[in-house]
Amino acid sequence: MALQCGIVGLPNVGKSTLFNCLSNAKAQAANFPFCTIEPNVGVITVPDDRLTKLAELVNPNRIVPNTIEIVDIAGLVKGASKGEGLGNQFLGNIRATNAIIHVLRCFDDPNVVHVDGSVDPIRDKEIIDTELQLKDLETVSKKIQKVEKMAKTGGDKDAKKAYEVANVIKAHLEAGKSARTAPISEEDKEYIADMFLLTEKPVMYVCNVDEASVKNGNKYVEQVREGVREENAEVLIISAKIESEIAELESYEERQLFLQDLGLEESGVSRLIQTAYRLLNLATYFTAGVQEVRAWTITEGFTAPQAAGVIHSDFEKGFIRAEVIKYEDFIALGSESACKEAGKLSVEGKTYVVKDGDIMHFRFNV
């Protein structure tokens, strides 16, 4: 599934440094604004210990993990919604992503220039929020104009509902709030889905801190936590500088020792990738055989035929049944044959909703 998270933020907050740590792709990381102009796209692996444990039992020819695309988008400035700086390009790049990783500078360093001259993560956040909200306001206003006549004549129920929902969003945006926090139901969201609103996308805030603050945060991190409280958004603490040092180490053992010296259990990049996966409302199921042990990405709530379709569309079209083993049972018993003997393999039909961690084998006929 080609799902993308876009890394956004003001110029010089550490976006490209973080991107370099996340991906094998090497975005230019320089101490001046707009060092990233074209969006860099990196395909990154989703850390999952379950895949490793399955492979240890099955001993396959290859292991294939899940991946997510991360896009490093050019820095934004005030006036982007009106085309200032790289505004139109920036906003267009965000529109193409599924979720937003918003990087905020939460460290003091006189050697790293801030585009606005001082460190203030809430001000920085509000600059980007405002530009995205202004662009969404423009989009919503056009939608209202389009459906208003049909809604007011009363003949088109869908147009009337779309008009009502769009006006709720419009008032919310005019109050300086993002569409994702608007008081509308999940059912009503379908009436605004065609607008692809920027501020409706799920978001996580990444506080880029210095080494001393990486475990417990600092005053800037606390400001961010307080500032995003109403959004119910996740806040991650990462030191892009530390992550770049970890990325330069060649072996897994060296990286683990480095983390231990810092008193950390896992890298910030690993936590960020896993959070991004959850942010996109994704789940994982596995196929496990001698040829390969593989993780497959699905959206939460997928049925067995939909999950089969991720492997190949023919699997979904000709779906007959799915043979399912729970991950915990497979690990406890050690093999597919042992699970069968213990009655831990279930046969599921078209209505089965796949659970995160399911090990599946599909029967189909085309």
Protein backbone atom coordinates (compact mmCIF):
# COMPACT_ATOMS: atom_id res chain seq x y z
CA MET A 1 0.00 0.00 0.00
CA ALA A 2 1.63 3.24 -1.13
CA LEU A 3 0.89 5.29 1.97
CA GLN A 4 2.85 8.41 2.74
CA CYS A 5 3.68 10.56 5.75
CA GLY A 6 4.89 14.05 4.95
CA ILE A 7 7.56 15.65 7.16
CA VAL A 8 6.72 19.35 7.47
CA GLY A 9 7.95 22.32 9.46
CA LEU A 10 9.49 25.74 9.12
CA PRO A 11 12.89 26.00 7.41
CA ASN A 12 15.85 24.84 9.52
CA VAL A 13 14.00 22.85 12.20
CA GLY A 14 15.73 19.54 11.38
CA LYS A 15 13.35 17.99 8.83
CA SER A 16 15.99 16.87 6.36
CA THR A 17 18.35 15.60 9.08
CA LEU A 18 15.49 13.51 10.45
CA PHE A 19 14.57 12.30 6.98
CA ASN A 20 18.17 11.17 6.39
CA CYS A 21 17.95 9.08 9.55
CA LEU A 22 14.65 7.55 8.49
CA SER A 23 15.66 6.66 4.98
CA ASN A 24 18.56 5.46 2.92
CA ALA A 25 17.83 8.39 0.63
CA LYS A 26 20.07 11.36 1.46
CA ALA A 27 18.33 14.71 1.50
CA GLN A 28 20.67 17.69 1.67
CA ALA A 29 20.90 18.88 5.28
CA ALA A 30 22.32 22.39 5.45
CA ASN A 31 22.18 25.34 7.81
CA PHE A 32 20.09 27.61 5.60
CA PRO A 33 16.42 27.85 4.58
CA PHE A 34 15.03 25.95 1.58
CA CYS A 35 17.83 23.42 1.29
CA THR A 36 15.02 20.99 0.42
CA ILE A 37 13.15 22.19 -2.68
CA GLU A 38 11.91 19.05 -4.43
CA PRO A 39 10.26 16.64 -2.01
CA ASN A 40 12.56 13.72 -1.21
CA VAL A 41 10.78 10.37 -0.92
CA GLY A 42 12.21 7.56 1.16
CA VAL A 43 10.82 4.05 1.61
CA ILE A 44 11.40 3.01 5.21
CA THR A 45 11.01 -0.29 7.03
CA VAL A 46 8.47 -0.61 9.84
CA PRO A 47 10.23 -2.21 12.86
CA ASP A 48 8.39 -5.37 13.95
CA ASP A 49 9.96 -7.95 16.25
CA ARG A 50 7.17 -10.40 15.39
CA LEU A 51 8.54 -10.79 11.87
CA THR A 52 11.97 -11.72 13.22
CA LYS A 53 10.53 -14.26 15.66
CA LEU A 54 8.44 -15.89 12.93
CA ALA A 55 11.48 -16.11 10.67
CA GLU A 56 13.49 -17.81 13.44
CA LEU A 57 10.87 -20.57 13.58
CA VAL A 58 10.18 -20.94 9.84
CA ASN A 59 13.74 -20.33 8.55
CA PRO A 60 12.55 -18.90 5.20
CA ASN A 61 14.60 -18.03 2.11
CA ARG A 62 13.79 -14.36 2.64
CA ILE A 63 12.11 -11.93 5.03
CA VAL A 64 9.98 -9.05 3.71
CA PRO A 65 9.00 -6.32 6.20
CA ASN A 66 6.31 -3.65 5.94
CA THR A 67 7.26 -0.25 4.57
CA ILE A 68 5.96 3.33 4.62
CA GLU A 69 6.93 6.19 2.34
CA ILE A 70 8.23 9.31 4.10
CA VAL A 71 8.28 12.57 2.14
CA ASP A 72 10.60 15.43 3.12
CA ILE A 73 8.73 18.56 2.04
CA ALA A 74 10.25 22.01 1.50
CA GLY A 75 10.09 24.41 4.46
CA LEU A 76 7.12 26.76 4.65
CA VAL A 77 6.98 30.47 5.47
CA LYS A 78 4.26 33.00 6.29
CA GLY A 79 2.11 33.73 3.27
CA ALA A 80 2.43 30.24 1.77
CA SER A 81 -1.35 30.04 1.30
CA LYS A 82 -0.98 33.08 -0.99
CA GLY A 83 1.97 31.58 -2.85
CA GLU A 84 4.81 33.12 -0.81
CA GLY A 85 8.13 31.27 -0.77
CA LEU A 86 7.49 27.76 -2.03
CA GLY A 87 3.91 27.95 -0.77
CA ASN A 88 1.86 26.46 -3.59
CA GLN A 89 4.35 23.64 -4.10
CA PHE A 90 4.53 22.94 -0.36
CA LEU A 91 0.75 22.80 0.02
CA GLY A 92 0.37 20.59 -3.02
CA ASN A 93 2.96 18.16 -1.66
CA ILE A 94 1.13 17.94 1.69
CA ARG A 95 -2.19 17.29 -0.08
CA ALA A 96 -0.68 14.17 -1.66
CA THR A 97 0.27 12.63 1.72
CA ASN A 98 -1.89 10.54 4.08
CA ALA A 99 -0.60 11.97 7.35
CA ILE A 100 1.63 14.75 8.65
CA ILE A 101 4.78 14.56 10.77
CA HIS A 102 5.17 18.13 12.04
CA VAL A 103 8.74 18.80 13.21
CA LEU A 104 9.17 21.59 15.77
CA ARG A 105 12.47 23.06 16.88
CA CYS A 106 12.78 22.63 20.66
CA PHE A 107 16.47 23.35 21.21
CA ASP A 108 18.68 26.40 21.63
CA ASP A 109 21.76 26.70 19.40
CA PRO A 110 23.15 30.06 18.27
CA ASN A 111 24.98 28.30 15.43
CA VAL A 112 21.76 27.10 13.79
CA VAL A 113 19.82 30.00 12.29
CA HIS A 114 16.08 30.18 12.98
CA VAL A 115 14.07 31.73 10.16
CA ASP A 116 12.22 33.97 12.66
CA GLY A 117 15.23 34.77 14.83
CA SER A 118 14.22 32.95 18.04
CA VAL A 119 13.10 29.55 19.33
CA ASP A 120 9.34 29.35 19.89
CA PRO A 121 7.74 26.02 18.87
CA ILE A 122 4.16 27.21 19.47
CA ARG A 123 4.66 30.24 17.23
CA ASP A 124 6.21 27.96 14.60
CA LYS A 125 3.32 25.51 14.86
CA GLU A 126 0.76 28.31 14.54
CA ILE A 127 2.47 29.70 11.43
CA ILE A 128 2.06 26.40 9.61
CA ASP A 129 -1.40 25.76 11.07
CA THR A 130 -2.58 29.18 9.89
CA GLU A 131 -1.30 28.69 6.35
CA LEU A 132 -2.94 25.25 6.10
CA GLN A 133 -6.18 26.57 7.59
CA LEU A 134 -6.26 29.50 5.15
CA LYS A 135 -5.81 27.13 2.22
CA ASP A 136 -8.56 24.85 3.57
CA LEU A 137 -10.83 27.85 4.08
CA GLU A 138 -10.40 28.70 0.41
CA THR A 139 -11.26 25.11 -0.55
CA VAL A 140 -14.32 24.94 1.73
CA SER A 141 -15.64 28.30 0.50
CA LYS A 142 -15.52 27.03 -3.08
CA LYS A 143 -17.39 23.89 -2.03
CA ILE A 144 -20.10 25.97 -0.33
CA GLN A 145 -20.54 28.10 -3.44
CA LYS A 146 -20.83 24.96 -5.54
CA VAL A 147 -23.57 23.24 -3.49
CA GLU A 148 -25.41 26.25 -2.05
CA LYS A 149 -27.99 26.61 -4.80
CA MET A 150 -28.84 22.89 -4.86
CA ALA A 151 -28.99 22.80 -1.05
CA LYS A 152 -31.36 25.76 -0.74
CA THR A 153 -33.80 24.56 -3.39
CA GLY A 154 -34.30 21.47 -1.18
CA GLY A 155 -34.34 18.88 -3.93
CA ASP A 156 -30.94 17.35 -3.28
CA LYS A 157 -30.54 15.85 0.21
CA ASP A 158 -26.83 15.11 -0.27
CA ALA A 159 -26.17 18.69 -1.38
CA LYS A 160 -28.04 20.01 1.63
CA LYS A 161 -26.01 17.85 3.99
CA ALA A 162 -22.75 18.74 2.28
CA TYR A 163 -23.68 22.42 2.58
CA GLU A 164 -24.37 22.07 6.31
CA VAL A 165 -21.16 20.14 7.04
CA ALA A 166 -19.03 22.49 4.95
CA ASN A 167 -20.39 25.46 6.88
CA VAL A 168 -19.50 23.79 10.20
CA ILE A 169 -15.96 23.28 8.91
CA LYS A 170 -15.81 26.85 7.62
CA ALA A 171 -16.77 28.31 11.00
CA HIS A 172 -14.22 26.05 12.71
CA LEU A 173 -11.43 27.17 10.36
CA GLU A 174 -12.40 30.84 10.76
CA ALA A 175 -11.96 30.34 14.53
CA GLY A 176 -8.33 29.36 13.88
CA LYS A 177 -8.85 25.64 14.42
CA SER A 178 -7.96 22.71 12.18
CA ALA A 179 -10.60 20.61 10.42
CA ARG A 180 -9.54 17.43 12.26
CA THR A 181 -11.01 18.86 15.51
CA ALA A 182 -14.29 20.07 13.99
CA PRO A 183 -17.48 18.85 15.73
CA ILE A 184 -18.71 16.54 12.96
CA SER A 185 -19.46 12.81 13.04
CA GLU A 186 -17.53 10.12 11.18
CA GLU A 187 -20.58 9.65 8.94
CA ASP A 188 -20.66 13.35 8.06
CA LYS A 189 -16.98 13.32 7.07
CA GLU A 190 -17.91 11.58 3.82
CA TYR A 191 -19.57 14.80 2.67
CA ILE A 192 -16.24 16.66 2.78
CA ALA A 193 -13.96 13.80 1.68
CA ASP A 194 -13.72 15.11 -1.87
CA MET A 195 -12.07 18.31 -0.62
CA PHE A 196 -8.95 16.51 0.71
CA LEU A 197 -8.54 19.12 3.43
CA LEU A 198 -4.98 19.64 4.63
CA THR A 199 -5.89 20.17 8.28
CA GLU A 200 -8.08 17.07 8.40
CA LYS A 201 -5.06 14.79 7.94
CA PRO A 202 -3.88 13.02 11.11
CA VAL A 203 -0.80 14.65 12.63
CA MET A 204 1.96 13.89 15.10
CA TYR A 205 4.30 16.50 16.53
CA VAL A 206 8.01 15.71 16.70
CA CYS A 207 9.95 17.85 19.15
CA ASN A 208 13.55 18.07 17.93
CA VAL A 209 15.59 18.53 21.11
CA ASP A 210 19.25 18.62 22.21
CA GLU A 211 20.98 15.57 23.70
CA ALA A 212 20.37 16.68 27.29
CA SER A 213 16.60 16.78 26.73
CA VAL A 214 16.10 13.56 24.79
CA LYS A 215 14.88 11.49 27.77
CA ASN A 216 12.68 13.91 29.68
CA GLY A 217 12.09 16.83 27.34
CA ASN A 218 12.43 20.51 28.23
CA LYS A 219 10.40 23.70 28.57
CA TYR A 220 9.78 23.83 24.83
CA VAL A 221 8.39 20.27 24.79
CA GLU A 222 6.04 21.14 27.65
CA GLN A 223 4.82 24.15 25.66
CA VAL A 224 4.06 21.87 22.71
CA ARG A 225 2.22 19.32 24.85
CA GLU A 226 0.06 22.04 26.33
CA GLY A 227 -0.48 23.68 22.93
CA VAL A 228 -1.77 20.51 21.21
CA ARG A 229 -3.83 19.17 24.11
CA GLU A 230 -7.17 19.77 22.34
CA GLU A 231 -5.99 17.99 19.21
CA ASN A 232 -5.43 14.65 20.98
CA ALA A 233 -2.25 14.35 18.92
CA GLU A 234 0.82 12.32 19.80
CA VAL A 235 3.98 14.23 20.78
CA LEU A 236 7.35 12.53 20.26
CA ILE A 237 10.72 13.70 21.61
CA ILE A 238 13.62 13.11 19.24
CA SER A 239 17.12 14.51 18.86
CA ALA A 240 17.82 14.60 15.13
CA LYS A 241 21.50 15.12 15.95
CA ILE A 242 21.64 11.92 18.02
CA GLU A 243 19.66 10.01 15.40
CA SER A 244 22.12 11.10 12.70
CA GLU A 245 25.00 9.80 14.84
CA ILE A 246 23.18 6.48 15.33
CA ALA A 247 22.58 6.20 11.59
CA GLU A 248 26.33 6.43 10.93
CA LEU A 249 27.08 3.37 13.08
CA GLU A 250 27.55 0.26 10.97
CA SER A 251 26.30 -2.59 13.13
CA TYR A 252 23.16 -3.24 15.17
CA GLU A 253 25.33 -4.00 18.21
CA GLU A 254 27.09 -0.62 17.96
CA ARG A 255 23.76 1.18 17.73
CA GLN A 256 22.40 -0.67 20.78
CA LEU A 257 25.50 0.18 22.83
CA PHE A 258 25.20 3.82 21.81
CA LEU A 259 21.56 3.86 22.95
CA GLN A 260 22.45 2.18 26.24
CA ASP A 261 25.10 4.82 26.92
CA LEU A 262 22.36 7.45 26.53
CA GLY A 263 19.96 5.50 28.74
CA LEU A 264 17.55 4.84 25.86
CA GLU A 265 15.78 1.55 25.06
CA GLU A 266 15.21 2.26 21.36
CA SER A 267 16.00 4.96 18.85
CA GLY A 268 13.68 7.89 18.29
CA VAL A 269 13.47 6.96 14.62
CA SER A 270 12.13 3.51 15.51
CA ARG A 271 9.46 5.07 17.74
CA LEU A 272 8.57 7.58 15.05
CA ILE A 273 8.11 4.91 12.37
CA GLN A 274 5.87 2.81 14.61
CA THR A 275 3.82 5.86 15.58
CA ALA A 276 3.46 6.86 11.92
CA TYR A 277 2.14 3.37 11.18
CA ARG A 278 -0.51 3.76 13.89
CA LEU A 279 -1.25 7.30 12.76
CA LEU A 280 -2.24 5.96 9.35
CA ASN A 281 -4.64 3.49 11.04
CA LEU A 282 -2.73 0.52 9.68
CA ALA A 283 -2.41 -3.07 10.84
CA THR A 284 -0.19 -6.00 9.90
CA TYR A 285 -0.89 -9.60 9.01
CA PHE A 286 1.73 -12.19 8.10
CA THR A 287 2.25 -14.98 5.62
CA ALA A 288 4.79 -17.56 6.75
CA GLY A 289 6.30 -20.24 4.54
CA VAL A 290 9.66 -21.68 3.51
CA GLN A 291 9.90 -19.31 0.54
CA GLU A 292 9.31 -16.17 2.59
CA VAL A 293 8.00 -14.77 5.84
CA ARG A 294 6.31 -11.50 5.01
CA ALA A 295 4.45 -8.67 6.70
CA TRP A 296 1.50 -7.20 4.81
CA THR A 297 0.03 -3.76 5.40
CA ILE A 298 -3.74 -3.38 5.68
CA THR A 299 -6.10 -0.74 7.00
CA GLU A 300 -7.69 -1.50 10.37
CA GLY A 301 -11.05 -3.22 9.78
CA PHE A 302 -10.17 -4.98 6.52
CA THR A 303 -12.08 -8.21 5.88
CA ALA A 304 -10.28 -11.39 4.81
CA PRO A 305 -11.00 -10.86 1.06
CA GLN A 306 -9.73 -7.26 1.27
CA ALA A 307 -6.57 -8.44 3.01
CA ALA A 308 -6.10 -11.09 0.33
CA GLY A 309 -6.44 -8.39 -2.31
CA VAL A 310 -3.34 -6.66 -0.93
CA ILE A 311 -1.31 -9.65 -2.16
CA HIS A 312 -3.06 -9.77 -5.54
CA SER A 313 -6.43 -8.60 -6.84
CA ASP A 314 -7.16 -12.17 -8.05
CA PHE A 315 -6.98 -13.37 -4.44
CA GLU A 316 -9.84 -11.04 -3.54
CA LYS A 317 -11.92 -11.76 -6.65
CA GLY A 318 -11.70 -15.54 -6.25
CA PHE A 319 -11.62 -15.66 -2.46
CA ILE A 320 -12.89 -18.95 -1.01
CA ARG A 321 -11.64 -18.95 2.57
CA ALA A 322 -8.79 -17.91 4.83
CA GLU A 323 -6.87 -20.20 7.16
CA VAL A 324 -5.87 -18.18 10.22
CA ILE A 325 -3.44 -18.78 13.07
CA LYS A 326 -3.00 -16.26 15.87
CA TYR A 327 0.58 -15.01 16.22
CA GLU A 328 0.73 -15.96 19.91
CA ASP A 329 -0.35 -19.53 19.13
CA PHE A 330 2.22 -19.91 16.34
CA ILE A 331 5.04 -18.69 18.61
CA ALA A 332 3.91 -20.88 21.51
CA LEU A 333 3.54 -24.07 19.43
CA GLY A 334 6.39 -23.42 16.98
CA SER A 335 4.92 -24.38 13.59
CA GLU A 336 1.84 -24.43 11.39
CA SER A 337 1.50 -28.20 11.68
CA ALA A 338 1.61 -28.03 15.49
CA CYS A 339 -1.10 -25.35 15.44
CA LYS A 340 -3.28 -27.56 13.23
CA GLU A 341 -2.86 -30.53 15.56
CA ALA A 342 -3.73 -28.38 18.57
CA GLY A 343 -6.84 -27.02 16.85
CA LYS A 344 -5.41 -23.51 16.72
CA LEU A 345 -5.97 -23.02 12.97
CA SER A 346 -9.38 -21.53 12.16
CA VAL A 347 -11.11 -21.41 8.79
CA GLU A 348 -12.70 -18.02 8.12
CA GLY A 349 -15.05 -16.71 5.44
CA LYS A 350 -15.68 -13.42 3.67
CA THR A 351 -16.96 -11.54 6.71
CA TYR A 352 -13.93 -12.23 8.92
CA VAL A 353 -12.23 -9.02 10.07
CA VAL A 354 -8.47 -9.50 10.08
CA LYS A 355 -6.71 -8.88 13.41
CA ASP A 356 -3.29 -7.31 13.76
CA GLY A 357 -0.76 -10.15 13.92
CA ASP A 358 -2.87 -12.81 12.20
CA ILE A 359 -0.89 -15.38 10.21
CA MET A 360 -2.93 -16.15 7.12
CA HIS A 361 -3.12 -18.51 4.17
CA PHE A 362 -5.73 -17.79 1.48
CA ARG A 363 -7.62 -20.26 -0.67
CA PHE A 364 -8.95 -18.79 -3.89
CA ASN A 365 -10.14 -19.79 -7.34
CA VAL A 366 -10.04 -17.54 -10.41
